[in-house]
PDB file of N, CA and C in Angstrom:
ATOM      1  N   MET A   1      12.617   7.209  47.109  1.00  0.00           N
ATOM      2  CA  MET A   1      11.724   7.911  48.041  1.00  0.00           C
ATOM      3  C   MET A   1      11.053   9.051  47.298  1.00  0.00           C
ATOM      4  N   PRO A   2       9.747   9.044  47.161  1.00  0.00           N
ATOM      5  CA  PRO A   2       9.046  10.065  46.403  1.00  0.00           C
ATOM      6  C   PRO A   2       9.095  11.405  47.160  1.00  0.00           C
ATOM      7  N   PHE A   3       9.056  12.444  46.415  1.00  0.00           N
ATOM      8  CA  PHE A   3       8.995  13.841  46.972  1.00  0.00           C
ATOM      9  C   PHE A   3       7.663  14.077  47.547  1.00  0.00           C
ATOM     10  N   SER A   4       7.700  14.823  48.688  1.00  0.00           N
ATOM     11  CA  SER A   4       6.473  15.132  49.330  1.00  0.00           C
ATOM     12  C   SER A   4       5.870  16.326  48.536  1.00  0.00           C
ATOM     13  N   ALA A   5       4.588  16.550  48.729  1.00  0.00           N
ATOM     14  CA  ALA A   5       3.840  17.610  48.034  1.00  0.00           C
ATOM     15  C   ALA A   5       4.359  18.976  48.448  1.00  0.00           C
ATOM     16  N   ARG A   6       4.699  19.063  49.735  1.00  0.00           N
ATOM     17  CA  ARG A   6       5.261  20.275  50.311  1.00  0.00           C
ATOM     18  C   ARG A   6       6.617  20.677  49.602  1.00  0.00           C
ATOM     19  N   TYR A   7       7.421  19.629  49.412  1.00  0.00           N
ATOM     20  CA  TYR A   7       8.749  19.818  48.801  1.00  0.00           C
ATOM     21  C   TYR A   7       8.555  20.241  47.365  1.00  0.00           C
ATOM     22  N   GLU A   8       7.697  19.623  46.689  1.00  0.00           N
ATOM     23  CA  GLU A   8       7.444  19.944  45.290  1.00  0.00           C
ATOM     24  C   GLU A   8       6.914  21.377  45.161  1.00  0.00           C
ATOM     25  N   LEU A   9       6.057  21.783  46.027  1.00  0.00           N
ATOM     26  CA  LEU A   9       5.507  23.146  45.984  1.00  0.00           C
ATOM     27  C   LEU A   9       6.676  24.168  46.304  1.00  0.00           C
ATOM     28  N   THR A  10       7.516  23.864  47.285  1.00  0.00           N
ATOM     29  CA  THR A  10       8.609  24.792  47.564  1.00  0.00           C
ATOM     30  C   THR A  10       9.552  24.860  46.380  1.00  0.00           C
ATOM     31  N   LEU A  11       9.802  23.793  45.752  1.00  0.00           N
ATOM     32  CA  LEU A  11      10.732  23.759  44.602  1.00  0.00           C
ATOM     33  C   LEU A  11      10.116  24.581  43.451  1.00  0.00           C
ATOM     34  N   LEU A  12       8.846  24.413  43.150  1.00  0.00           N
ATOM     35  CA  LEU A  12       8.122  25.158  42.219  1.00  0.00           C
ATOM     36  C   LEU A  12       8.167  26.728  42.515  1.00  0.00           C
ATOM     37  N   CYS A  13       8.016  27.040  43.718  1.00  0.00           N
ATOM     38  CA  CYS A  13       7.965  28.541  44.122  1.00  0.00           C
ATOM     39  C   CYS A  13       9.385  29.107  43.982  1.00  0.00           C
ATOM     40  N   LEU A  14      10.424  28.304  44.124  1.00  0.00           N
ATOM     41  CA  LEU A  14      11.772  28.864  43.998  1.00  0.00           C
ATOM     42  C   LEU A  14      12.191  28.909  42.507  1.00  0.00           C
ATOM     43  N   THR A  15      11.770  28.073  41.643  1.00  0.00           N
ATOM     44  CA  THR A  15      12.149  28.042  40.291  1.00  0.00           C
ATOM     45  C   THR A  15      11.310  28.899  39.393  1.00  0.00           C
ATOM     46  N   MET A  16      10.093  29.194  39.677  1.00  0.00           N
ATOM     47  CA  MET A  16       9.236  29.985  38.911  1.00  0.00           C
ATOM     48  C   MET A  16       9.845  31.396  38.555  1.00  0.00           C
ATOM     49  N   PRO A  17      10.238  32.106  39.627  1.00  0.00           N
ATOM     50  CA  PRO A  17      10.803  33.454  39.346  1.00  0.00           C
ATOM     51  C   PRO A  17      12.058  33.371  38.409  1.00  0.00           C
ATOM     52  N   LEU A  18      12.829  32.330  38.521  1.00  0.00           N
ATOM     53  CA  LEU A  18      13.970  32.233  37.593  1.00  0.00           C
ATOM     54  C   LEU A  18      13.465  32.058  36.228  1.00  0.00           C
ATOM     55  N   LEU A  19      12.463  31.141  35.961  1.00  0.00           N
ATOM     56  CA  LEU A  19      11.969  30.912  34.675  1.00  0.00           C
ATOM     57  C   LEU A  19      11.346  32.225  34.105  1.00  0.00           C
ATOM     58  N   LEU A  20      10.626  32.967  34.853  1.00  0.00           N
ATOM     59  CA  LEU A  20      10.049  34.151  34.401  1.00  0.00           C
ATOM     60  C   LEU A  20      11.090  35.218  34.066  1.00  0.00           C
ATOM     61  N   PHE A  21      12.092  35.300  34.863  1.00  0.00           N
ATOM     62  CA  PHE A  21      13.194  36.277  34.614  1.00  0.00           C
ATOM     63  C   PHE A  21      13.906  35.962  33.366  1.00  0.00           C
ATOM     64  N   ALA A  22      14.069  34.692  33.002  1.00  0.00           N
ATOM     65  CA  ALA A  22      14.731  34.338  31.802  1.00  0.00           C
ATOM     66  C   ALA A  22      14.006  34.688  30.517  1.00  0.00           C
ATOM     67  N   GLN A  23      12.726  34.951  30.593  1.00  0.00           N
ATOM     68  CA  GLN A  23      11.916  35.277  29.397  1.00  0.00           C
ATOM     69  C   GLN A  23      11.799  36.787  29.329  1.00  0.00           C
ATOM     70  N   VAL A  24      12.464  37.612  30.016  1.00  0.00           N
ATOM     71  CA  VAL A  24      12.423  39.037  29.844  1.00  0.00           C
ATOM     72  C   VAL A  24      13.096  39.477  28.606  1.00  0.00           C
ATOM     73  N   ASP A  25      12.546  40.366  27.839  1.00  0.00           N
ATOM     74  CA  ASP A  25      13.107  40.887  26.638  1.00  0.00           C
ATOM     75  C   ASP A  25      14.415  41.568  26.931  1.00  0.00           C
ATOM     76  N   THR A  26      15.507  41.099  26.366  1.00  0.00           N
ATOM     77  CA  THR A  26      16.829  41.623  26.609  1.00  0.00           C
ATOM     78  C   THR A  26      16.992  43.028  26.097  1.00  0.00           C
ATOM     79  N   GLN A  27      16.266  43.317  25.039  1.00  0.00           N
ATOM     80  CA  GLN A  27      16.425  44.742  24.449  1.00  0.00           C
ATOM     81  C   GLN A  27      15.868  45.811  25.461  1.00  0.00           C
ATOM     82  N   CYS A  28      14.864  45.408  26.275  1.00  0.00           N
ATOM     83  CA  CYS A  28      14.334  46.314  27.310  1.00  0.00           C
ATOM     84  C   CYS A  28      15.189  46.505  28.468  1.00  0.00           C
ATOM     85  N   LYS A  29      16.259  45.672  28.672  1.00  0.00           N
ATOM     86  CA  LYS A  29      17.148  45.920  29.704  1.00  0.00           C
ATOM     87  C   LYS A  29      18.325  46.720  29.318  1.00  0.00           C
ATOM     88  N   ARG A  30      18.477  47.129  28.042  1.00  0.00           N
ATOM     89  CA  ARG A  30      19.543  47.968  27.594  1.00  0.00           C
ATOM     90  C   ARG A  30      19.373  49.345  28.225  1.00  0.00           C
ATOM     91  N   PRO A  31      20.510  49.962  28.602  1.00  0.00           N
ATOM     92  CA  PRO A  31      20.335  51.332  29.146  1.00  0.00           C
ATOM     93  C   PRO A  31      20.034  52.253  27.933  1.00  0.00           C
ATOM     94  N   HIS A  32      19.149  53.237  28.124  1.00  0.00           N
ATOM     95  CA  HIS A  32      18.768  54.144  27.086  1.00  0.00           C
ATOM     96  C   HIS A  32      19.870  55.290  27.060  1.00  0.00           C
ATOM     97  N   GLN A  33      20.288  55.581  25.878  1.00  0.00           N
ATOM     98  CA  GLN A  33      21.314  56.680  25.742  1.00  0.00           C
ATOM     99  C   GLN A  33      20.600  58.049  26.010  1.00  0.00           C
ATOM    100  N   ARG A  34      21.420  58.864  26.599  1.00  0.00           N
ATOM    101  CA  ARG A  34      21.059  60.275  26.838  1.00  0.00           C
ATOM    102  C   ARG A  34      19.832  60.384  27.693  1.00  0.00           C
ATOM    103  N   THR A  35      19.645  59.476  28.693  1.00  0.00           N
ATOM    104  CA  THR A  35      18.502  59.569  29.526  1.00  0.00           C
ATOM    105  C   THR A  35      18.650  60.716  30.489  1.00  0.00           C
ATOM    106  N   THR A  36      17.694  61.582  30.590  1.00  0.00           N
ATOM    107  CA  THR A  36      17.769  62.697  31.521  1.00  0.00           C
ATOM    108  C   THR A  36      16.481  62.785  32.312  1.00  0.00           C
ATOM    109  N   GLY A  37      16.559  62.849  33.612  1.00  0.00           N
ATOM    110  CA  GLY A  37      15.344  62.942  34.458  1.00  0.00           C
ATOM    111  C   GLY A  37      14.638  61.670  34.539  1.00  0.00           C
ATOM    112  N   HIS A  38      13.518  61.706  35.260  1.00  0.00           N
ATOM    113  CA  HIS A  38      12.712  60.564  35.448  1.00  0.00           C
ATOM    114  C   HIS A  38      11.268  60.913  35.089  1.00  0.00           C
ATOM    115  N   VAL A  39      10.606  60.109  34.283  1.00  0.00           N
ATOM    116  CA  VAL A  39       9.236  60.315  33.947  1.00  0.00           C
ATOM    117  C   VAL A  39       8.313  59.275  34.555  1.00  0.00           C
ATOM    118  N   ASN A  40       7.363  59.656  35.256  1.00  0.00           N
ATOM    119  CA  ASN A  40       6.308  58.742  35.673  1.00  0.00           C
ATOM    120  C   ASN A  40       5.389  58.520  34.503  1.00  0.00           C
ATOM    121  N   LEU A  41       5.364  57.248  34.050  1.00  0.00           N
ATOM    122  CA  LEU A  41       4.601  56.996  32.805  1.00  0.00           C
ATOM    123  C   LEU A  41       3.141  57.142  33.081  1.00  0.00           C
ATOM    124  N   PRO A  42       2.477  57.821  32.117  1.00  0.00           N
ATOM    125  CA  PRO A  42       1.064  58.078  32.266  1.00  0.00           C
ATOM    126  C   PRO A  42       0.237  56.848  31.829  1.00  0.00           C
ATOM    127  N   CYS A  43      -0.905  56.723  32.225  1.00  0.00           N
ATOM    128  CA  CYS A  43      -1.815  55.794  31.672  1.00  0.00           C
ATOM    129  C   CYS A  43      -2.560  56.583  30.571  1.00  0.00           C
ATOM    130  N   CYS A  44      -2.273  56.172  29.347  1.00  0.00           N
ATOM    131  CA  CYS A  44      -2.862  56.920  28.163  1.00  0.00           C
ATOM    132  C   CYS A  44      -4.348  56.657  28.128  1.00  0.00           C
ATOM    133  N   LEU A  45      -5.120  57.678  28.175  1.00  0.00           N
ATOM    134  CA  LEU A  45      -6.516  57.592  28.036  1.00  0.00           C
ATOM    135  C   LEU A  45      -6.963  57.962  26.581  1.00  0.00           C
ATOM    136  N   GLU A  46      -6.073  58.756  25.938  1.00  0.00           N
ATOM    137  CA  GLU A  46      -6.337  59.112  24.517  1.00  0.00           C
ATOM    138  C   GLU A  46      -4.973  59.222  23.889  1.00  0.00           C
ATOM    139  N   THR A  47      -4.911  59.213  22.528  1.00  0.00           N
ATOM    140  CA  THR A  47      -3.687  59.301  21.815  1.00  0.00           C
ATOM    141  C   THR A  47      -3.663  60.495  20.851  1.00  0.00           C
ATOM    142  N   GLN A  48      -2.501  60.800  20.398  1.00  0.00           N
ATOM    143  CA  GLN A  48      -2.423  61.841  19.315  1.00  0.00           C
ATOM    144  C   GLN A  48      -1.822  61.213  18.068  1.00  0.00           C
ATOM    145  N   ASN A  49      -2.177  61.780  16.944  1.00  0.00           N
ATOM    146  CA  ASN A  49      -1.604  61.367  15.611  1.00  0.00           C
ATOM    147  C   ASN A  49      -0.501  62.283  15.094  1.00  0.00           C
ATOM    148  N   GLY A  50      -0.427  63.484  15.647  1.00  0.00           N
ATOM    149  CA  GLY A  50       0.526  64.478  15.162  1.00  0.00           C
ATOM    150  C   GLY A  50       1.952  64.017  15.459  1.00  0.00           C
ATOM    151  N   THR A  51       2.903  64.388  14.567  1.00  0.00           N
ATOM    152  CA  THR A  51       4.315  63.993  14.769  1.00  0.00           C
ATOM    153  C   THR A  51       4.934  64.715  15.973  1.00  0.00           C
ATOM    154  N   ILE A  52       5.747  63.974  16.616  1.00  0.00           N
ATOM    155  CA  ILE A  52       6.519  64.596  17.797  1.00  0.00           C
ATOM    156  C   ILE A  52       7.814  65.112  17.203  1.00  0.00           C
ATOM    157  N   LYS A  53       8.039  66.444  17.285  1.00  0.00           N
ATOM    158  CA  LYS A  53       9.186  67.004  16.685  1.00  0.00           C
ATOM    159  C   LYS A  53      10.470  66.843  17.654  1.00  0.00           C
ATOM    160  N   GLU A  54      10.274  66.736  18.945  1.00  0.00           N
ATOM    161  CA  GLU A  54      11.358  66.624  19.944  1.00  0.00           C
ATOM    162  C   GLU A  54      12.009  65.246  19.852  1.00  0.00           C
ATOM    163  N   SER A  55      13.226  65.232  20.137  1.00  0.00           N
ATOM    164  CA  SER A  55      13.917  63.906  20.337  1.00  0.00           C
ATOM    165  C   SER A  55      13.411  63.247  21.656  1.00  0.00           C
ATOM    166  N   VAL A  56      13.418  61.922  21.747  1.00  0.00           N
ATOM    167  CA  VAL A  56      12.922  61.253  22.899  1.00  0.00           C
ATOM    168  C   VAL A  56      13.965  60.379  23.410  1.00  0.00           C
ATOM    169  N   ASN A  57      13.845  60.002  24.697  1.00  0.00           N
ATOM    170  CA  ASN A  57      14.905  59.130  25.380  1.00  0.00           C
ATOM    171  C   ASN A  57      14.396  57.744  25.568  1.00  0.00           C
ATOM    172  N   ALA A  58      13.050  57.494  25.523  1.00  0.00           N
ATOM    173  CA  ALA A  58      12.549  56.165  25.786  1.00  0.00           C
ATOM    174  C   ALA A  58      11.204  55.953  25.092  1.00  0.00           C
ATOM    175  N   CYS A  59      10.894  54.734  24.955  1.00  0.00           N
ATOM    176  CA  CYS A  59       9.616  54.342  24.293  1.00  0.00           C
ATOM    177  C   CYS A  59       9.036  53.161  24.958  1.00  0.00           C
ATOM    178  N   TYR A  60       7.701  53.224  25.200  1.00  0.00           N
ATOM    179  CA  TYR A  60       6.991  52.140  25.820  1.00  0.00           C
ATOM    180  C   TYR A  60       5.707  51.758  25.060  1.00  0.00           C
ATOM    181  N   ILE A  61       5.240  50.587  25.194  1.00  0.00           N
ATOM    182  CA  ILE A  61       4.036  50.217  24.497  1.00  0.00           C
ATOM    183  C   ILE A  61       3.059  49.887  25.629  1.00  0.00           C
ATOM    184  N   GLN A  62       1.921  50.587  25.537  1.00  0.00           N
ATOM    185  CA  GLN A  62       0.793  50.297  26.472  1.00  0.00           C
ATOM    186  C   GLN A  62      -0.297  49.474  25.632  1.00  0.00           C
ATOM    187  N   ASN A  63      -0.534  48.298  26.046  1.00  0.00           N
ATOM    188  CA  ASN A  63      -1.552  47.450  25.409  1.00  0.00           C
ATOM    189  C   ASN A  63      -2.881  47.733  26.025  1.00  0.00           C
ATOM    190  N   GLU A  64      -3.941  47.234  25.449  1.00  0.00           N
ATOM    191  CA  GLU A  64      -5.341  47.441  25.881  1.00  0.00           C
ATOM    192  C   GLU A  64      -5.498  46.900  27.315  1.00  0.00           C
ATOM    193  N   ASN A  65      -4.718  45.939  27.720  1.00  0.00           N
ATOM    194  CA  ASN A  65      -4.911  45.333  29.043  1.00  0.00           C
ATOM    195  C   ASN A  65      -3.789  45.659  30.032  1.00  0.00           C
ATOM    196  N   THR A  66      -2.955  46.673  29.711  1.00  0.00           N
ATOM    197  CA  THR A  66      -1.879  47.027  30.606  1.00  0.00           C
ATOM    198  C   THR A  66      -2.364  47.552  31.908  1.00  0.00           C
ATOM    199  N   PHE A  67      -3.274  48.451  31.898  1.00  0.00           N
ATOM    200  CA  PHE A  67      -3.838  49.086  33.113  1.00  0.00           C
ATOM    201  C   PHE A  67      -5.351  48.846  33.177  1.00  0.00           C
ATOM    202  N   SER A  68      -5.876  48.693  34.356  1.00  0.00           N
ATOM    203  CA  SER A  68      -7.324  48.375  34.332  1.00  0.00           C
ATOM    204  C   SER A  68      -8.201  49.507  34.060  1.00  0.00           C
ATOM    205  N   ASN A  69      -7.696  50.741  34.236  1.00  0.00           N
ATOM    206  CA  ASN A  69      -8.622  51.896  34.072  1.00  0.00           C
ATOM    207  C   ASN A  69      -8.361  52.596  32.671  1.00  0.00           C
ATOM    208  N   CYS A  70      -7.415  52.060  31.827  1.00  0.00           N
ATOM    209  CA  CYS A  70      -7.275  52.675  30.491  1.00  0.00           C
ATOM    210  C   CYS A  70      -7.139  51.582  29.570  1.00  0.00           C
ATOM    211  N   LYS A  71      -8.040  51.484  28.655  1.00  0.00           N
ATOM    212  CA  LYS A  71      -8.110  50.303  27.754  1.00  0.00           C
ATOM    213  C   LYS A  71      -7.788  50.594  26.310  1.00  0.00           C
ATOM    214  N   ILE A  72      -6.741  51.425  26.065  1.00  0.00           N
ATOM    215  CA  ILE A  72      -6.351  51.686  24.679  1.00  0.00           C
ATOM    216  C   ILE A  72      -4.939  51.238  24.412  1.00  0.00           C
ATOM    217  N   HIS A  73      -4.694  51.017  23.148  1.00  0.00           N
ATOM    218  CA  HIS A  73      -3.302  50.643  22.715  1.00  0.00           C
ATOM    219  C   HIS A  73      -2.628  51.982  22.386  1.00  0.00           C
ATOM    220  N   ALA A  74      -1.428  52.164  22.899  1.00  0.00           N
ATOM    221  CA  ALA A  74      -0.728  53.393  22.679  1.00  0.00           C
ATOM    222  C   ALA A  74       0.822  53.176  22.753  1.00  0.00           C
ATOM    223  N   TYR A  75       1.550  54.032  22.038  1.00  0.00           N
ATOM    224  CA  TYR A  75       3.024  54.100  22.235  1.00  0.00           C
ATOM    225  C   TYR A  75       3.282  55.294  23.143  1.00  0.00           C
ATOM    226  N   ILE A  76       4.131  55.173  24.073  1.00  0.00           N
ATOM    227  CA  ILE A  76       4.462  56.312  24.989  1.00  0.00           C
ATOM    228  C   ILE A  76       5.869  56.682  24.753  1.00  0.00           C
ATOM    229  N   PHE A  77       6.142  57.873  24.310  1.00  0.00           N
ATOM    230  CA  PHE A  77       7.468  58.428  24.082  1.00  0.00           C
ATOM    231  C   PHE A  77       7.773  59.378  25.296  1.00  0.00           C
ATOM    232  N   THR A  78       8.943  59.270  25.813  1.00  0.00           N
ATOM    233  CA  THR A  78       9.273  60.193  26.957  1.00  0.00           C
ATOM    234  C   THR A  78      10.619  60.903  26.647  1.00  0.00           C
ATOM    235  N   LYS A  79      10.713  62.088  27.277  1.00  0.00           N
ATOM    236  CA  LYS A  79      11.928  62.891  27.282  1.00  0.00           C
ATOM    237  C   LYS A  79      11.900  63.726  28.574  1.00  0.00           C
ATOM    238  N   ALA A  80      12.983  63.662  29.347  1.00  0.00           N
ATOM    239  CA  ALA A  80      13.117  64.329  30.594  1.00  0.00           C
ATOM    240  C   ALA A  80      11.809  64.149  31.351  1.00  0.00           C
ATOM    241  N   HIS A  81      11.033  65.187  31.584  1.00  0.00           N
ATOM    242  CA  HIS A  81       9.774  65.080  32.376  1.00  0.00           C
ATOM    243  C   HIS A  81       8.507  65.244  31.569  1.00  0.00           C
ATOM    244  N   LYS A  82       8.600  64.858  30.259  1.00  0.00           N
ATOM    245  CA  LYS A  82       7.486  64.894  29.375  1.00  0.00           C
ATOM    246  C   LYS A  82       7.188  63.545  28.864  1.00  0.00           C
ATOM    247  N   ALA A  83       5.896  63.317  28.497  1.00  0.00           N
ATOM    248  CA  ALA A  83       5.484  62.099  27.872  1.00  0.00           C
ATOM    249  C   ALA A  83       4.397  62.376  26.937  1.00  0.00           C
ATOM    250  N   TRP A  84       4.459  61.596  25.780  1.00  0.00           N
ATOM    251  CA  TRP A  84       3.440  61.743  24.707  1.00  0.00           C
ATOM    252  C   TRP A  84       2.814  60.391  24.427  1.00  0.00           C
ATOM    253  N   CYS A  85       1.478  60.341  24.346  1.00  0.00           N
ATOM    254  CA  CYS A  85       0.750  59.106  23.995  1.00  0.00           C
ATOM    255  C   CYS A  85       0.437  59.163  22.453  1.00  0.00           C
ATOM    256  N   VAL A  86       0.962  58.185  21.752  1.00  0.00           N
ATOM    257  CA  VAL A  86       0.852  58.193  20.285  1.00  0.00           C
ATOM    258  C   VAL A  86      -0.072  57.091  19.870  1.00  0.00           C
ATOM    259  N   ASP A  87      -0.894  57.372  18.879  1.00  0.00           N
ATOM    260  CA  ASP A  87      -1.717  56.442  18.201  1.00  0.00           C
ATOM    261  C   ASP A  87      -0.900  55.402  17.482  1.00  0.00           C
ATOM    262  N   PRO A  88      -1.051  54.072  17.712  1.00  0.00           N
ATOM    263  CA  PRO A  88      -0.201  53.070  17.032  1.00  0.00           C
ATOM    264  C   PRO A  88      -0.452  52.971  15.559  1.00  0.00           C
ATOM    265  N   THR A  89      -1.489  53.563  14.989  1.00  0.00           N
ATOM    266  CA  THR A  89      -1.807  53.536  13.637  1.00  0.00           C
ATOM    267  C   THR A  89      -1.278  54.822  12.875  1.00  0.00           C
ATOM    268  N   SER A  90      -0.653  55.664  13.533  1.00  0.00           N
ATOM    269  CA  SER A  90      -0.096  56.917  12.909  1.00  0.00           C
ATOM    270  C   SER A  90       0.917  56.533  11.808  1.00  0.00           C
ATOM    271  N   SER A  91       0.770  57.254  10.773  1.00  0.00           N
ATOM    272  CA  SER A  91       1.514  56.960   9.527  1.00  0.00           C
ATOM    273  C   SER A  91       3.085  57.110   9.734  1.00  0.00           C
ATOM    274  N   TRP A  92       3.391  58.025  10.623  1.00  0.00           N
ATOM    275  CA  TRP A  92       4.800  58.398  10.775  1.00  0.00           C
ATOM    276  C   TRP A  92       5.493  57.485  11.755  1.00  0.00           C
ATOM    277  N   LEU A  93       4.723  56.671  12.538  1.00  0.00           N
ATOM    278  CA  LEU A  93       5.343  55.930  13.618  1.00  0.00           C
ATOM    279  C   LEU A  93       6.364  54.854  13.215  1.00  0.00           C
ATOM    280  N   PRO A  94       6.155  54.027  12.175  1.00  0.00           N
ATOM    281  CA  PRO A  94       7.180  53.031  11.843  1.00  0.00           C
ATOM    282  C   PRO A  94       8.557  53.697  11.595  1.00  0.00           C
ATOM    283  N   GLY A  95       8.549  54.784  10.795  1.00  0.00           N
ATOM    284  CA  GLY A  95       9.873  55.496  10.555  1.00  0.00           C
ATOM    285  C   GLY A  95      10.521  55.978  11.813  1.00  0.00           C
ATOM    286  N   ARG A  96       9.746  56.527  12.740  1.00  0.00           N
ATOM    287  CA  ARG A  96      10.305  56.986  14.009  1.00  0.00           C
ATOM    288  C   ARG A  96      10.871  55.860  14.836  1.00  0.00           C
ATOM    289  N   LEU A  97      10.126  54.737  14.854  1.00  0.00           N
ATOM    290  CA  LEU A  97      10.625  53.591  15.619  1.00  0.00           C
ATOM    291  C   LEU A  97      11.934  53.124  15.110  1.00  0.00           C
ATOM    292  N   GLN A  98      12.111  53.104  13.749  1.00  0.00           N
ATOM    293  CA  GLN A  98      13.389  52.699  13.162  1.00  0.00           C
ATOM    294  C   GLN A  98      14.515  53.570  13.600  1.00  0.00           C
ATOM    295  N   ARG A  99      14.245  54.926  13.525  1.00  0.00           N
ATOM    296  CA  ARG A  99      15.291  55.861  13.880  1.00  0.00           C
ATOM    297  C   ARG A  99      15.687  55.716  15.366  1.00  0.00           C
ATOM    298  N   LEU A 100      14.671  55.429  16.171  1.00  0.00           N
ATOM    299  CA  LEU A 100      14.992  55.229  17.595  1.00  0.00           C
ATOM    300  C   LEU A 100      15.846  53.973  17.853  1.00  0.00           C
ATOM    301  N   GLN A 101      15.456  52.930  17.071  1.00  0.00           N
ATOM    302  CA  GLN A 101      16.311  51.711  17.225  1.00  0.00           C
ATOM    303  C   GLN A 101      17.744  51.877  16.737  1.00  0.00           C
ATOM    304  N   ARG A 102      17.959  52.742  15.796  1.00  0.00           N
ATOM    305  CA  ARG A 102      19.318  52.940  15.376  1.00  0.00           C
ATOM    306  C   ARG A 102      20.115  53.736  16.441  1.00  0.00           C
ATOM    307  N   ARG A 103      19.417  54.483  17.261  1.00  0.00           N
ATOM    308  CA  ARG A 103      19.986  55.157  18.402  1.00  0.00           C
ATOM    309  C   ARG A 103      20.115  54.268  19.621  1.00  0.00           C
ATOM    310  N   GLY A 104      19.643  52.991  19.496  1.00  0.00           N
ATOM    311  CA  GLY A 104      19.657  52.040  20.685  1.00  0.00           C
ATOM    312  C   GLY A 104      18.464  52.164  21.610  1.00  0.00           C
ATOM    313  N   ILE A 105      17.413  52.794  21.139  1.00  0.00           N
ATOM    314  CA  ILE A 105      16.212  52.924  21.984  1.00  0.00           C
ATOM    315  C   ILE A 105      15.153  51.980  21.437  1.00  0.00           C
ATOM    316  N   PHE A 106      14.675  51.065  22.171  1.00  0.00           N
ATOM    317  CA  PHE A 106      13.710  50.054  21.853  1.00  0.00           C
ATOM    318  C   PHE A 106      12.492  50.206  22.730  1.00  0.00           C
ATOM    319  N   CYS A 107      11.362  50.005  22.145  1.00  0.00           N
ATOM    320  CA  CYS A 107      10.086  50.154  22.845  1.00  0.00           C
ATOM    321  C   CYS A 107       9.918  48.897  23.668  1.00  0.00           C
ATOM    322  N   CYS A 108       9.676  49.157  24.968  1.00  0.00           N
ATOM    323  CA  CYS A 108       9.388  48.062  25.875  1.00  0.00           C
ATOM    324  C   CYS A 108       7.880  47.997  26.267  1.00  0.00           C
ATOM    325  N   THR A 109       7.348  46.878  26.251  1.00  0.00           N
ATOM    326  CA  THR A 109       5.955  46.629  26.633  1.00  0.00           C
ATOM    327  C   THR A 109       5.745  46.731  28.076  1.00  0.00           C
ATOM    328  N   LEU A 110       4.847  47.593  28.516  1.00  0.00           N
ATOM    329  CA  LEU A 110       4.551  47.772  29.910  1.00  0.00           C
ATOM    330  C   LEU A 110       3.736  46.605  30.461  1.00  0.00           C
TER     331      LEU A 110
END
């Protein structure tokens, strides 16, 4: 007996969320060490090239198409109630990302 179109659609609607959930980056689900406070992530309209001297608790990647009203690529570092928008071409960024990864902090794409 062939499946009805309605049954196929229902089955598709039930399985799609499971498939999408299975593709989530597991590193982004890791708890960040020493997380303090909650930061509302900004929509970066501009970035900075200067080195951030403070330690950070989390890292996020904003792509050009992440938000409809801000069309730039940026790394967002957060600590407590602060956030910094960093230019992805900054010369110091690769070294900082490696040090964060050694601490168990991985940049998650927004």
